[in-house]
């Protein structure tokens, strides 16, 4: 059956710095990317969205720039690491969305405000953008499995969205952490956890 009209895809942090072999953070997730064949499945998810006119929302991480975290008293270890490694540098190739995964205005895609920590809902316009378009069902993928993606999904669940997690469209800093998230933790809160191909078949 076709997807309900109130469905959207939500992809978290599909930056070159994560996904491309030359990306600054790729070496930290490359093993998991390979194990899950993540990029192929993310591209398949985008193709399915385009074929079915399902809008894609993009939750992207804040980018480093001059003055990033200046004066901050309570930065998290991950934020400090981002600053020290100049990861996701504003204006750089690394913060471009990986080729083949980018938004298309004609599909109704939306690039939302950038998140400072883990959840793409916290201190951004994501919830507002979704509510404006009566979206209530989210199909989610992106990086990383047990940080930004999981945090965003948990937040969506708390806000009352129907959450479907696609466990082969993600990756993490270790294979063990990724598998723990997809196999043990996600089923505790998500309405559905499945593979991208299974989701595609469910809306065929």
N, C-alpha and C. Protein backbone atom coordinates (compact mmCIF):
# COMPACT_ATOMS: atom_id res chain seq x y z
N UNK A 1 0.85 -1.19 0.00
CA UNK A 1 0.00 0.00 0.00
C UNK A 1 0.88 1.23 0.00
N UNK A 2 0.43 2.33 -0.59
CA UNK A 2 1.26 3.54 -0.65
C UNK A 2 1.43 4.13 0.75
N UNK A 3 2.50 4.90 0.96
CA UNK A 3 2.71 5.49 2.28
C UNK A 3 1.62 6.51 2.60
N UNK A 4 1.26 6.66 3.86
CA UNK A 4 0.29 7.68 4.23
C UNK A 4 0.78 9.06 3.81
N UNK A 5 -0.12 9.97 3.50
CA UNK A 5 0.29 11.30 3.02
C UNK A 5 1.01 12.13 4.08
N UNK A 6 0.95 11.71 5.33
CA UNK A 6 1.61 12.46 6.40
C UNK A 6 2.98 11.87 6.75
N UNK A 7 3.61 11.21 5.78
CA UNK A 7 4.91 10.56 5.98
C UNK A 7 6.03 11.42 5.40
N UNK A 8 7.17 11.44 6.10
CA UNK A 8 8.38 12.08 5.59
C UNK A 8 9.59 11.25 5.97
N UNK A 9 10.64 11.39 5.18
CA UNK A 9 11.95 10.82 5.49
C UNK A 9 12.73 11.86 6.29
N UNK A 10 13.50 11.41 7.26
CA UNK A 10 14.39 12.30 8.00
C UNK A 10 15.79 11.68 7.99
N UNK A 11 16.73 12.38 7.37
CA UNK A 11 18.11 11.91 7.28
C UNK A 11 19.00 12.82 8.12
N UNK A 12 19.80 12.22 9.00
CA UNK A 12 20.64 12.96 9.91
C UNK A 12 22.10 12.96 9.46
N UNK A 13 22.68 14.14 9.34
CA UNK A 13 24.12 14.35 9.13
C UNK A 13 24.74 13.57 7.97
N UNK A 14 24.17 13.63 6.77
CA UNK A 14 24.78 12.93 5.64
C UNK A 14 25.92 13.74 5.00
N UNK A 15 26.79 14.27 5.83
CA UNK A 15 27.90 15.10 5.38
C UNK A 15 29.02 14.28 4.73
N UNK A 16 29.75 14.92 3.81
CA UNK A 16 30.95 14.30 3.26
C UNK A 16 31.95 13.92 4.35
N UNK A 17 32.06 14.74 5.38
CA UNK A 17 33.02 14.46 6.45
C UNK A 17 32.77 13.10 7.09
N UNK A 18 31.56 12.64 7.08
CA UNK A 18 31.23 11.30 7.58
C UNK A 18 31.33 10.24 6.47
N UNK A 19 30.68 10.50 5.35
CA UNK A 19 30.40 9.44 4.38
C UNK A 19 31.48 9.24 3.32
N UNK A 20 32.18 10.28 2.96
CA UNK A 20 33.18 10.17 1.89
C UNK A 20 34.51 9.67 2.47
N UNK A 21 35.21 8.80 1.73
CA UNK A 21 36.50 8.29 2.22
C UNK A 21 37.50 9.39 2.57
N UNK A 22 37.38 10.56 1.95
CA UNK A 22 38.29 11.67 2.25
C UNK A 22 37.77 12.57 3.36
N UNK A 23 36.63 12.24 3.93
CA UNK A 23 36.05 13.06 4.98
C UNK A 23 36.85 12.99 6.27
N UNK A 24 36.82 14.07 7.05
CA UNK A 24 37.63 14.16 8.26
C UNK A 24 37.26 13.09 9.30
N UNK A 25 36.01 12.70 9.33
CA UNK A 25 35.55 11.75 10.33
C UNK A 25 35.29 10.36 9.76
N UNK A 26 35.56 10.18 8.49
CA UNK A 26 35.21 8.92 7.85
C UNK A 26 35.92 7.73 8.46
N UNK A 27 37.18 7.91 8.85
CA UNK A 27 37.93 6.77 9.41
C UNK A 27 37.29 6.25 10.69
N UNK A 28 36.53 7.10 11.39
CA UNK A 28 35.89 6.71 12.64
C UNK A 28 34.65 5.85 12.42
N UNK A 29 34.07 5.95 11.22
CA UNK A 29 32.82 5.23 10.94
C UNK A 29 32.95 4.29 9.75
N UNK A 30 34.13 4.22 9.12
CA UNK A 30 34.26 3.48 7.86
C UNK A 30 33.97 1.99 8.02
N UNK A 31 34.38 1.40 9.13
CA UNK A 31 34.12 -0.02 9.34
C UNK A 31 32.63 -0.29 9.41
N UNK A 32 31.93 0.54 10.14
CA UNK A 32 30.48 0.38 10.26
C UNK A 32 29.77 0.68 8.96
N UNK A 33 30.23 1.70 8.24
CA UNK A 33 29.65 2.00 6.93
C UNK A 33 29.74 0.80 6.00
N UNK A 34 30.90 0.14 6.03
CA UNK A 34 31.09 -1.03 5.18
C UNK A 34 30.24 -2.20 5.62
N UNK A 35 30.16 -2.42 6.92
CA UNK A 35 29.39 -3.55 7.43
C UNK A 35 27.91 -3.43 7.10
N UNK A 36 27.40 -2.23 7.14
CA UNK A 36 25.97 -1.99 6.87
C UNK A 36 25.69 -1.69 5.39
N UNK A 37 26.75 -1.45 4.61
CA UNK A 37 26.57 -0.98 3.23
C UNK A 37 25.68 0.26 3.24
N UNK A 38 26.01 1.16 4.16
CA UNK A 38 25.14 2.29 4.50
C UNK A 38 24.85 3.19 3.32
N UNK A 39 25.87 3.56 2.60
CA UNK A 39 25.67 4.55 1.53
C UNK A 39 24.73 4.01 0.47
N UNK A 40 24.90 2.75 0.09
CA UNK A 40 24.00 2.15 -0.90
C UNK A 40 22.56 2.20 -0.41
N UNK A 41 22.35 1.89 0.86
CA UNK A 41 20.99 1.87 1.39
C UNK A 41 20.43 3.28 1.56
N UNK A 42 21.28 4.25 1.90
CA UNK A 42 20.80 5.63 1.96
C UNK A 42 20.40 6.13 0.57
N UNK A 43 21.19 5.79 -0.43
CA UNK A 43 20.83 6.18 -1.79
C UNK A 43 19.53 5.50 -2.23
N UNK A 44 19.36 4.24 -1.84
CA UNK A 44 18.11 3.56 -2.14
C UNK A 44 16.93 4.21 -1.46
N UNK A 45 17.14 4.66 -0.23
CA UNK A 45 16.07 5.35 0.50
C UNK A 45 15.68 6.64 -0.20
N UNK A 46 16.67 7.39 -0.65
CA UNK A 46 16.39 8.64 -1.37
C UNK A 46 15.65 8.35 -2.67
N UNK A 47 16.08 7.32 -3.39
CA UNK A 47 15.40 6.96 -4.64
C UNK A 47 13.95 6.56 -4.40
N UNK A 48 13.71 5.81 -3.33
CA UNK A 48 12.35 5.42 -2.99
C UNK A 48 11.50 6.65 -2.65
N UNK A 49 12.10 7.58 -1.93
CA UNK A 49 11.38 8.81 -1.60
C UNK A 49 11.01 9.59 -2.85
N UNK A 50 11.97 9.71 -3.76
CA UNK A 50 11.69 10.45 -5.00
C UNK A 50 10.59 9.77 -5.81
N UNK A 51 10.65 8.44 -5.91
CA UNK A 51 9.68 7.70 -6.71
C UNK A 51 8.27 7.81 -6.15
N UNK A 52 8.17 8.00 -4.84
CA UNK A 52 6.86 8.05 -4.20
C UNK A 52 6.47 9.46 -3.74
N UNK A 53 7.26 10.46 -4.14
CA UNK A 53 6.99 11.86 -3.79
C UNK A 53 6.87 12.04 -2.28
N UNK A 54 7.78 11.39 -1.55
CA UNK A 54 7.85 11.54 -0.10
C UNK A 54 8.92 12.58 0.21
N UNK A 55 8.59 13.65 0.89
CA UNK A 55 9.59 14.68 1.17
C UNK A 55 10.68 14.17 2.11
N UNK A 56 11.87 14.69 1.92
CA UNK A 56 13.00 14.36 2.78
C UNK A 56 13.38 15.59 3.59
N UNK A 57 13.49 15.42 4.89
CA UNK A 57 13.97 16.47 5.78
C UNK A 57 15.40 16.14 6.19
N UNK A 58 16.22 17.17 6.29
CA UNK A 58 17.63 16.99 6.60
C UNK A 58 17.95 17.65 7.94
N UNK A 59 18.41 16.82 8.89
CA UNK A 59 18.87 17.32 10.17
C UNK A 59 20.39 17.34 10.17
N UNK A 60 20.96 18.54 10.20
CA UNK A 60 22.41 18.68 10.04
C UNK A 60 23.05 19.28 11.29
N UNK A 61 24.28 18.86 11.53
CA UNK A 61 25.01 19.32 12.71
C UNK A 61 25.55 20.74 12.50
N UNK A 62 25.64 21.48 13.60
CA UNK A 62 26.29 22.79 13.55
C UNK A 62 27.70 22.67 12.99
N UNK A 63 28.14 23.74 12.36
CA UNK A 63 29.44 23.73 11.68
C UNK A 63 30.44 24.61 12.42
N UNK A 64 31.69 24.16 12.43
CA UNK A 64 32.73 24.94 13.07
C UNK A 64 33.05 26.17 12.23
N UNK A 65 33.36 27.25 12.92
CA UNK A 65 33.66 28.53 12.28
C UNK A 65 34.47 29.35 13.28
N UNK A 66 35.07 30.46 12.87
CA UNK A 66 35.77 31.30 13.84
C UNK A 66 34.83 31.69 14.99
N UNK A 67 35.30 31.49 16.21
CA UNK A 67 34.48 31.79 17.37
C UNK A 67 33.58 30.65 17.82
N UNK A 68 33.66 29.51 17.15
CA UNK A 68 32.84 28.36 17.52
C UNK A 68 33.10 27.98 18.98
N UNK A 69 32.07 27.96 19.78
CA UNK A 69 32.10 27.64 21.21
C UNK A 69 32.81 28.70 22.06
N UNK A 70 33.13 29.85 21.48
CA UNK A 70 33.83 30.90 22.24
C UNK A 70 33.01 31.31 23.46
N UNK A 71 33.63 31.27 24.62
CA UNK A 71 32.97 31.67 25.84
C UNK A 71 32.07 30.61 26.46
N UNK A 72 31.96 29.46 25.83
CA UNK A 72 31.08 28.40 26.35
C UNK A 72 31.68 27.83 27.65
N UNK A 73 30.81 27.61 28.61
CA UNK A 73 31.21 27.04 29.89
C UNK A 73 30.79 25.58 30.04
N UNK A 74 29.90 25.08 29.17
CA UNK A 74 29.33 23.76 29.38
C UNK A 74 29.33 22.92 28.10
N UNK A 75 30.32 23.11 27.26
CA UNK A 75 30.41 22.33 26.02
C UNK A 75 30.58 20.85 26.35
N UNK A 76 29.96 20.02 25.56
CA UNK A 76 30.09 18.57 25.75
C UNK A 76 31.42 18.08 25.19
N UNK A 77 31.85 16.90 25.60
CA UNK A 77 33.08 16.34 25.02
C UNK A 77 33.04 16.24 23.50
N UNK A 78 31.88 15.88 22.94
CA UNK A 78 31.77 15.79 21.48
C UNK A 78 31.89 17.15 20.82
N UNK A 79 31.34 18.18 21.45
CA UNK A 79 31.47 19.53 20.91
C UNK A 79 32.92 20.00 20.96
N UNK A 80 33.60 19.70 22.07
CA UNK A 80 35.02 20.05 22.17
C UNK A 80 35.84 19.32 21.12
N UNK A 81 35.52 18.04 20.90
CA UNK A 81 36.23 17.26 19.89
C UNK A 81 36.01 17.84 18.50
N UNK A 82 34.78 18.25 18.23
CA UNK A 82 34.48 18.85 16.93
C UNK A 82 35.33 20.11 16.72
N UNK A 83 35.42 20.92 17.75
CA UNK A 83 36.22 22.15 17.65
C UNK A 83 37.69 21.84 17.43
N UNK A 84 38.23 20.91 18.22
CA UNK A 84 39.65 20.58 18.12
C UNK A 84 40.02 19.99 16.78
N UNK A 85 39.12 19.20 16.21
CA UNK A 85 39.38 18.54 14.93
C UNK A 85 38.89 19.35 13.73
N UNK A 86 38.30 20.50 14.00
CA UNK A 86 37.70 21.36 12.97
C UNK A 86 36.83 20.51 12.05
N UNK A 87 36.03 19.66 12.66
CA UNK A 87 35.11 18.83 11.89
C UNK A 87 33.89 19.63 11.49
N UNK A 88 33.28 19.25 10.38
CA UNK A 88 32.11 19.95 9.86
C UNK A 88 32.41 21.46 9.73
N UNK A 89 33.47 21.78 9.05
CA UNK A 89 33.91 23.17 8.95
C UNK A 89 33.04 23.95 7.95
N UNK A 90 32.51 25.06 8.43
CA UNK A 90 31.62 25.90 7.61
C UNK A 90 32.31 26.29 6.30
N UNK A 91 31.56 26.15 5.20
CA UNK A 91 32.09 26.54 3.90
C UNK A 91 32.99 25.51 3.23
N UNK A 92 33.25 24.41 3.92
CA UNK A 92 34.17 23.41 3.37
C UNK A 92 33.42 22.34 2.59
N UNK A 93 34.18 21.58 1.81
CA UNK A 93 33.62 20.44 1.09
C UNK A 93 33.05 19.43 2.08
N UNK A 94 33.63 19.33 3.26
CA UNK A 94 33.19 18.34 4.23
C UNK A 94 31.77 18.50 4.71
N UNK A 95 31.23 19.72 4.63
CA UNK A 95 29.85 19.92 5.07
C UNK A 95 28.86 19.94 3.91
N UNK A 96 29.33 19.58 2.74
CA UNK A 96 28.40 19.36 1.65
C UNK A 96 27.73 18.00 1.85
N UNK A 97 26.47 17.89 1.46
CA UNK A 97 25.77 16.62 1.57
C UNK A 97 26.32 15.65 0.51
N UNK A 98 26.56 14.43 0.94
CA UNK A 98 27.16 13.42 0.08
C UNK A 98 26.40 13.30 -1.25
N UNK A 99 27.16 13.15 -2.32
CA UNK A 99 26.58 13.10 -3.67
C UNK A 99 25.51 12.02 -3.78
N UNK A 100 24.37 12.40 -4.31
CA UNK A 100 23.27 11.46 -4.49
C UNK A 100 22.27 11.47 -3.36
N UNK A 101 22.60 12.19 -2.27
CA UNK A 101 21.69 12.24 -1.12
C UNK A 101 21.09 13.62 -0.90
N UNK A 102 21.44 14.58 -1.75
CA UNK A 102 21.05 15.96 -1.52
C UNK A 102 19.58 16.25 -1.76
N UNK A 103 19.12 17.39 -1.24
CA UNK A 103 17.70 17.77 -1.35
C UNK A 103 17.30 18.22 -2.74
N UNK A 104 16.02 18.06 -3.04
CA UNK A 104 15.41 18.56 -4.28
C UNK A 104 14.16 19.34 -3.90
N UNK A 105 14.15 20.62 -4.23
CA UNK A 105 13.02 21.47 -3.89
C UNK A 105 11.73 20.94 -4.52
N UNK A 106 11.83 20.42 -5.73
CA UNK A 106 10.65 19.91 -6.41
C UNK A 106 10.02 18.71 -5.74
N UNK A 107 10.78 18.05 -4.86
CA UNK A 107 10.25 16.91 -4.12
C UNK A 107 9.67 17.33 -2.78
N UNK A 108 9.76 18.63 -2.47
CA UNK A 108 9.27 19.10 -1.19
C UNK A 108 10.26 18.92 -0.06
N UNK A 109 11.54 18.73 -0.39
CA UNK A 109 12.55 18.49 0.63
C UNK A 109 12.83 19.77 1.43
N UNK A 110 13.26 19.59 2.68
CA UNK A 110 13.47 20.72 3.59
C UNK A 110 14.78 20.51 4.34
N UNK A 111 15.66 21.50 4.28
CA UNK A 111 16.88 21.49 5.09
C UNK A 111 16.60 22.34 6.33
N UNK A 112 16.64 21.71 7.48
CA UNK A 112 16.25 22.39 8.73
C UNK A 112 17.45 23.02 9.42
N UNK A 113 17.14 23.81 10.46
CA UNK A 113 18.18 24.43 11.25
C UNK A 113 19.11 23.40 11.88
N UNK A 114 20.32 23.78 12.13
CA UNK A 114 21.36 22.84 12.56
C UNK A 114 21.34 22.63 14.08
N UNK A 115 21.58 21.37 14.48
CA UNK A 115 21.57 21.03 15.90
C UNK A 115 22.96 21.21 16.52
N UNK A 116 22.96 21.64 17.78
CA UNK A 116 24.21 21.90 18.49
C UNK A 116 24.77 20.65 19.16
N UNK A 117 23.90 19.78 19.61
CA UNK A 117 24.36 18.59 20.33
C UNK A 117 23.97 17.36 19.54
N UNK A 118 23.00 16.57 20.02
CA UNK A 118 22.68 15.33 19.33
C UNK A 118 21.33 15.35 18.62
N UNK A 119 20.31 15.88 19.24
CA UNK A 119 18.98 15.82 18.65
C UNK A 119 18.74 16.93 17.64
N UNK A 120 18.24 16.55 16.47
CA UNK A 120 17.89 17.53 15.45
C UNK A 120 16.62 18.30 15.78
N UNK A 121 15.94 17.92 16.86
CA UNK A 121 14.77 18.68 17.31
C UNK A 121 15.14 19.77 18.31
N UNK A 122 16.21 19.56 19.07
CA UNK A 122 16.55 20.49 20.14
C UNK A 122 17.12 21.79 19.57
N UNK A 123 16.47 22.91 19.89
CA UNK A 123 16.93 24.25 19.47
C UNK A 123 17.02 24.40 17.95
N UNK A 124 16.11 23.73 17.23
CA UNK A 124 16.03 23.89 15.77
C UNK A 124 14.57 24.10 15.38
N UNK A 125 14.34 24.28 14.08
CA UNK A 125 12.98 24.47 13.58
C UNK A 125 12.37 23.19 13.02
N UNK A 126 13.01 22.04 13.27
CA UNK A 126 12.54 20.79 12.66
C UNK A 126 11.09 20.49 13.00
N UNK A 127 10.74 20.51 14.27
CA UNK A 127 9.36 20.20 14.67
C UNK A 127 8.39 21.18 14.03
N UNK A 128 8.73 22.45 14.01
CA UNK A 128 7.88 23.48 13.41
C UNK A 128 7.67 23.23 11.92
N UNK A 129 8.75 22.90 11.22
CA UNK A 129 8.65 22.62 9.79
C UNK A 129 7.76 21.42 9.52
N UNK A 130 7.89 20.37 10.34
CA UNK A 130 7.07 19.17 10.16
C UNK A 130 5.61 19.46 10.46
N UNK A 131 5.33 20.16 11.56
CA UNK A 131 3.94 20.46 11.94
C UNK A 131 3.26 21.33 10.90
N UNK A 132 3.99 22.26 10.30
CA UNK A 132 3.42 23.12 9.28
C UNK A 132 2.89 22.32 8.09
N UNK A 133 3.48 21.16 7.87
CA UNK A 133 3.09 20.34 6.72
C UNK A 133 2.31 19.09 7.14
N UNK A 134 1.86 19.07 8.40
CA UNK A 134 1.06 17.97 8.93
C UNK A 134 1.76 16.62 8.85
N UNK A 135 3.07 16.62 8.94
CA UNK A 135 3.82 15.35 8.97
C UNK A 135 3.73 14.77 10.37
N UNK A 136 3.36 13.52 10.47
CA UNK A 136 3.28 12.85 11.77
C UNK A 136 3.98 11.49 11.79
N UNK A 137 4.49 11.05 10.64
CA UNK A 137 5.16 9.76 10.54
C UNK A 137 6.55 9.97 9.95
N UNK A 138 7.58 9.55 10.66
CA UNK A 138 8.95 9.76 10.23
C UNK A 138 9.65 8.43 9.98
N UNK A 139 10.33 8.36 8.84
CA UNK A 139 11.16 7.21 8.48
C UNK A 139 12.59 7.71 8.51
N UNK A 140 13.43 7.11 9.38
CA UNK A 140 14.68 7.76 9.73
C UNK A 140 15.92 6.94 9.42
N UNK A 141 16.96 7.64 8.98
CA UNK A 141 18.28 7.07 8.78
C UNK A 141 19.32 8.16 8.94
N UNK A 142 20.59 7.76 8.87
CA UNK A 142 21.66 8.75 8.99
C UNK A 142 22.65 8.38 10.07
N UNK A 143 23.43 9.37 10.49
CA UNK A 143 24.53 9.12 11.42
C UNK A 143 24.42 10.00 12.67
N UNK A 144 25.02 9.52 13.76
CA UNK A 144 25.43 8.13 13.92
C UNK A 144 24.34 7.36 14.65
N UNK A 145 24.45 6.04 14.60
CA UNK A 145 23.36 5.19 15.07
C UNK A 145 22.97 5.44 16.51
N UNK A 146 23.98 5.59 17.38
CA UNK A 146 23.68 5.68 18.81
C UNK A 146 23.94 7.07 19.39
N UNK A 147 24.11 8.07 18.50
CA UNK A 147 24.23 9.45 18.98
C UNK A 147 23.14 10.30 18.33
N UNK A 148 23.48 11.03 17.28
CA UNK A 148 22.53 12.01 16.72
C UNK A 148 21.26 11.37 16.17
N UNK A 149 21.40 10.25 15.46
CA UNK A 149 20.21 9.61 14.90
C UNK A 149 19.30 9.11 16.01
N UNK A 150 19.87 8.38 16.97
CA UNK A 150 19.05 7.84 18.04
C UNK A 150 18.44 8.95 18.90
N UNK A 151 19.22 9.97 19.20
CA UNK A 151 18.71 11.07 20.01
C UNK A 151 17.55 11.77 19.32
N UNK A 152 17.68 12.00 18.02
CA UNK A 152 16.61 12.63 17.25
C UNK A 152 15.36 11.75 17.23
N UNK A 153 15.57 10.45 17.06
CA UNK A 153 14.43 9.53 17.02
C UNK A 153 13.71 9.47 18.37
N UNK A 154 14.48 9.45 19.45
CA UNK A 154 13.86 9.43 20.78
C UNK A 154 13.04 10.71 21.00
N UNK A 155 13.58 11.83 20.56
CA UNK A 155 12.88 13.10 20.70
C UNK A 155 11.59 13.08 19.89
N UNK A 156 11.67 12.54 18.67
CA UNK A 156 10.48 12.44 17.83
C UNK A 156 9.41 11.59 18.51
N UNK A 157 9.83 10.49 19.10
CA UNK A 157 8.93 9.60 19.83
C UNK A 157 8.25 10.35 20.97
N UNK A 158 9.03 11.13 21.73
CA UNK A 158 8.47 11.87 22.85
C UNK A 158 7.49 12.95 22.38
N UNK A 159 7.70 13.47 21.18
CA UNK A 159 6.82 14.51 20.64
C UNK A 159 5.56 13.93 19.99
N UNK A 160 5.46 12.61 19.92
CA UNK A 160 4.25 11.98 19.41
C UNK A 160 4.30 11.56 17.96
N UNK A 161 5.47 11.63 17.33
CA UNK A 161 5.58 11.15 15.95
C UNK A 161 5.62 9.62 15.92
N UNK A 162 5.11 9.06 14.82
CA UNK A 162 5.28 7.63 14.55
C UNK A 162 6.66 7.45 13.96
N UNK A 163 7.50 6.64 14.60
CA UNK A 163 8.91 6.55 14.24
C UNK A 163 9.23 5.18 13.64
N UNK A 164 9.74 5.19 12.41
CA UNK A 164 10.26 4.00 11.75
C UNK A 164 11.76 4.18 11.56
N UNK A 165 12.54 3.24 12.09
CA UNK A 165 14.00 3.32 12.00
C UNK A 165 14.50 2.29 10.99
N UNK A 166 15.40 2.73 10.10
CA UNK A 166 15.95 1.84 9.08
C UNK A 166 17.39 1.48 9.47
N UNK A 167 17.57 0.24 9.89
CA UNK A 167 18.81 -0.14 10.55
C UNK A 167 20.00 -0.37 9.63
N UNK A 168 19.78 -0.37 8.31
CA UNK A 168 20.92 -0.49 7.41
C UNK A 168 21.22 0.82 6.69
N UNK A 169 20.61 1.92 7.15
CA UNK A 169 20.90 3.25 6.59
C UNK A 169 21.68 4.08 7.60
N UNK A 170 22.39 3.44 8.49
CA UNK A 170 23.12 4.14 9.54
C UNK A 170 24.50 3.55 9.71
N UNK A 171 25.28 4.13 10.59
CA UNK A 171 26.60 3.63 10.95
C UNK A 171 26.98 4.28 12.27
N UNK A 172 28.05 3.77 12.89
CA UNK A 172 28.49 4.31 14.16
C UNK A 172 29.99 4.25 14.29
N UNK A 173 30.49 4.64 15.45
CA UNK A 173 31.92 4.70 15.66
C UNK A 173 32.55 3.32 15.85
N UNK A 174 31.72 2.33 16.21
CA UNK A 174 32.18 0.94 16.21
C UNK A 174 31.03 0.07 15.72
N UNK A 175 31.37 -1.11 15.21
CA UNK A 175 30.32 -2.03 14.79
C UNK A 175 29.49 -2.48 15.97
N UNK A 176 30.15 -2.67 17.12
CA UNK A 176 29.44 -3.14 18.30
C UNK A 176 28.42 -2.11 18.78
N UNK A 177 28.82 -0.84 18.80
CA UNK A 177 27.90 0.21 19.23
C UNK A 177 26.73 0.35 18.26
N UNK A 178 27.02 0.22 16.97
CA UNK A 178 25.96 0.33 15.97
C UNK A 178 24.96 -0.80 16.11
N UNK A 179 25.46 -2.02 16.25
CA UNK A 179 24.57 -3.18 16.39
C UNK A 179 23.77 -3.12 17.69
N UNK A 180 24.41 -2.64 18.75
CA UNK A 180 23.68 -2.51 20.02
C UNK A 180 22.51 -1.55 19.86
N UNK A 181 22.74 -0.45 19.13
CA UNK A 181 21.68 0.52 18.91
C UNK A 181 20.56 -0.08 18.06
N UNK A 182 20.91 -0.65 16.92
CA UNK A 182 19.89 -1.09 15.98
C UNK A 182 19.13 -2.33 16.45
N UNK A 183 19.83 -3.21 17.18
CA UNK A 183 19.21 -4.48 17.55
C UNK A 183 18.62 -4.49 18.97
N UNK A 184 19.18 -3.68 19.86
CA UNK A 184 18.75 -3.72 21.25
C UNK A 184 18.01 -2.47 21.72
N UNK A 185 18.50 -1.31 21.32
CA UNK A 185 17.96 -0.06 21.87
C UNK A 185 16.82 0.51 21.04
N UNK A 186 16.98 0.59 19.75
CA UNK A 186 15.92 1.17 18.92
C UNK A 186 14.57 0.48 19.11
N UNK A 187 14.51 -0.86 19.20
CA UNK A 187 13.20 -1.50 19.37
C UNK A 187 12.50 -1.13 20.68
N UNK A 188 13.22 -0.53 21.62
CA UNK A 188 12.60 -0.14 22.88
C UNK A 188 11.69 1.06 22.74
N UNK A 189 11.92 1.89 21.70
CA UNK A 189 11.10 3.09 21.56
C UNK A 189 10.49 3.28 20.17
N UNK A 190 11.13 2.78 19.14
CA UNK A 190 10.61 2.99 17.78
C UNK A 190 9.37 2.14 17.55
N UNK A 191 8.46 2.66 16.76
CA UNK A 191 7.28 1.88 16.40
C UNK A 191 7.65 0.72 15.48
N UNK A 192 8.64 0.95 14.61
CA UNK A 192 9.09 -0.09 13.68
C UNK A 192 10.60 0.04 13.49
N UNK A 193 11.28 -1.08 13.44
CA UNK A 193 12.69 -1.14 13.07
C UNK A 193 12.82 -2.15 11.95
N UNK A 194 13.31 -1.72 10.81
CA UNK A 194 13.40 -2.61 9.65
C UNK A 194 14.53 -2.17 8.74
N UNK A 195 14.76 -2.94 7.69
CA UNK A 195 15.75 -2.58 6.68
C UNK A 195 15.09 -1.70 5.62
N UNK A 196 15.92 -0.94 4.91
CA UNK A 196 15.40 -0.03 3.90
C UNK A 196 14.60 -0.78 2.84
N UNK A 197 15.10 -1.94 2.42
CA UNK A 197 14.39 -2.72 1.42
C UNK A 197 13.05 -3.21 1.90
N UNK A 198 12.98 -3.57 3.18
CA UNK A 198 11.69 -4.01 3.75
C UNK A 198 10.71 -2.85 3.79
N UNK A 199 11.19 -1.68 4.14
CA UNK A 199 10.29 -0.52 4.14
C UNK A 199 9.80 -0.21 2.72
N UNK A 200 10.69 -0.30 1.75
CA UNK A 200 10.31 -0.05 0.35
C UNK A 200 9.22 -1.04 -0.08
N UNK A 201 9.39 -2.30 0.28
CA UNK A 201 8.38 -3.31 -0.06
C UNK A 201 7.05 -3.02 0.63
N UNK A 202 7.11 -2.48 1.85
CA UNK A 202 5.88 -2.23 2.60
C UNK A 202 5.03 -1.15 1.98
N UNK A 203 5.62 -0.27 1.17
CA UNK A 203 4.84 0.81 0.55
C UNK A 203 4.64 0.58 -0.95
N UNK A 204 5.10 -0.59 -1.42
CA UNK A 204 4.98 -0.88 -2.86
C UNK A 204 3.52 -1.10 -3.23
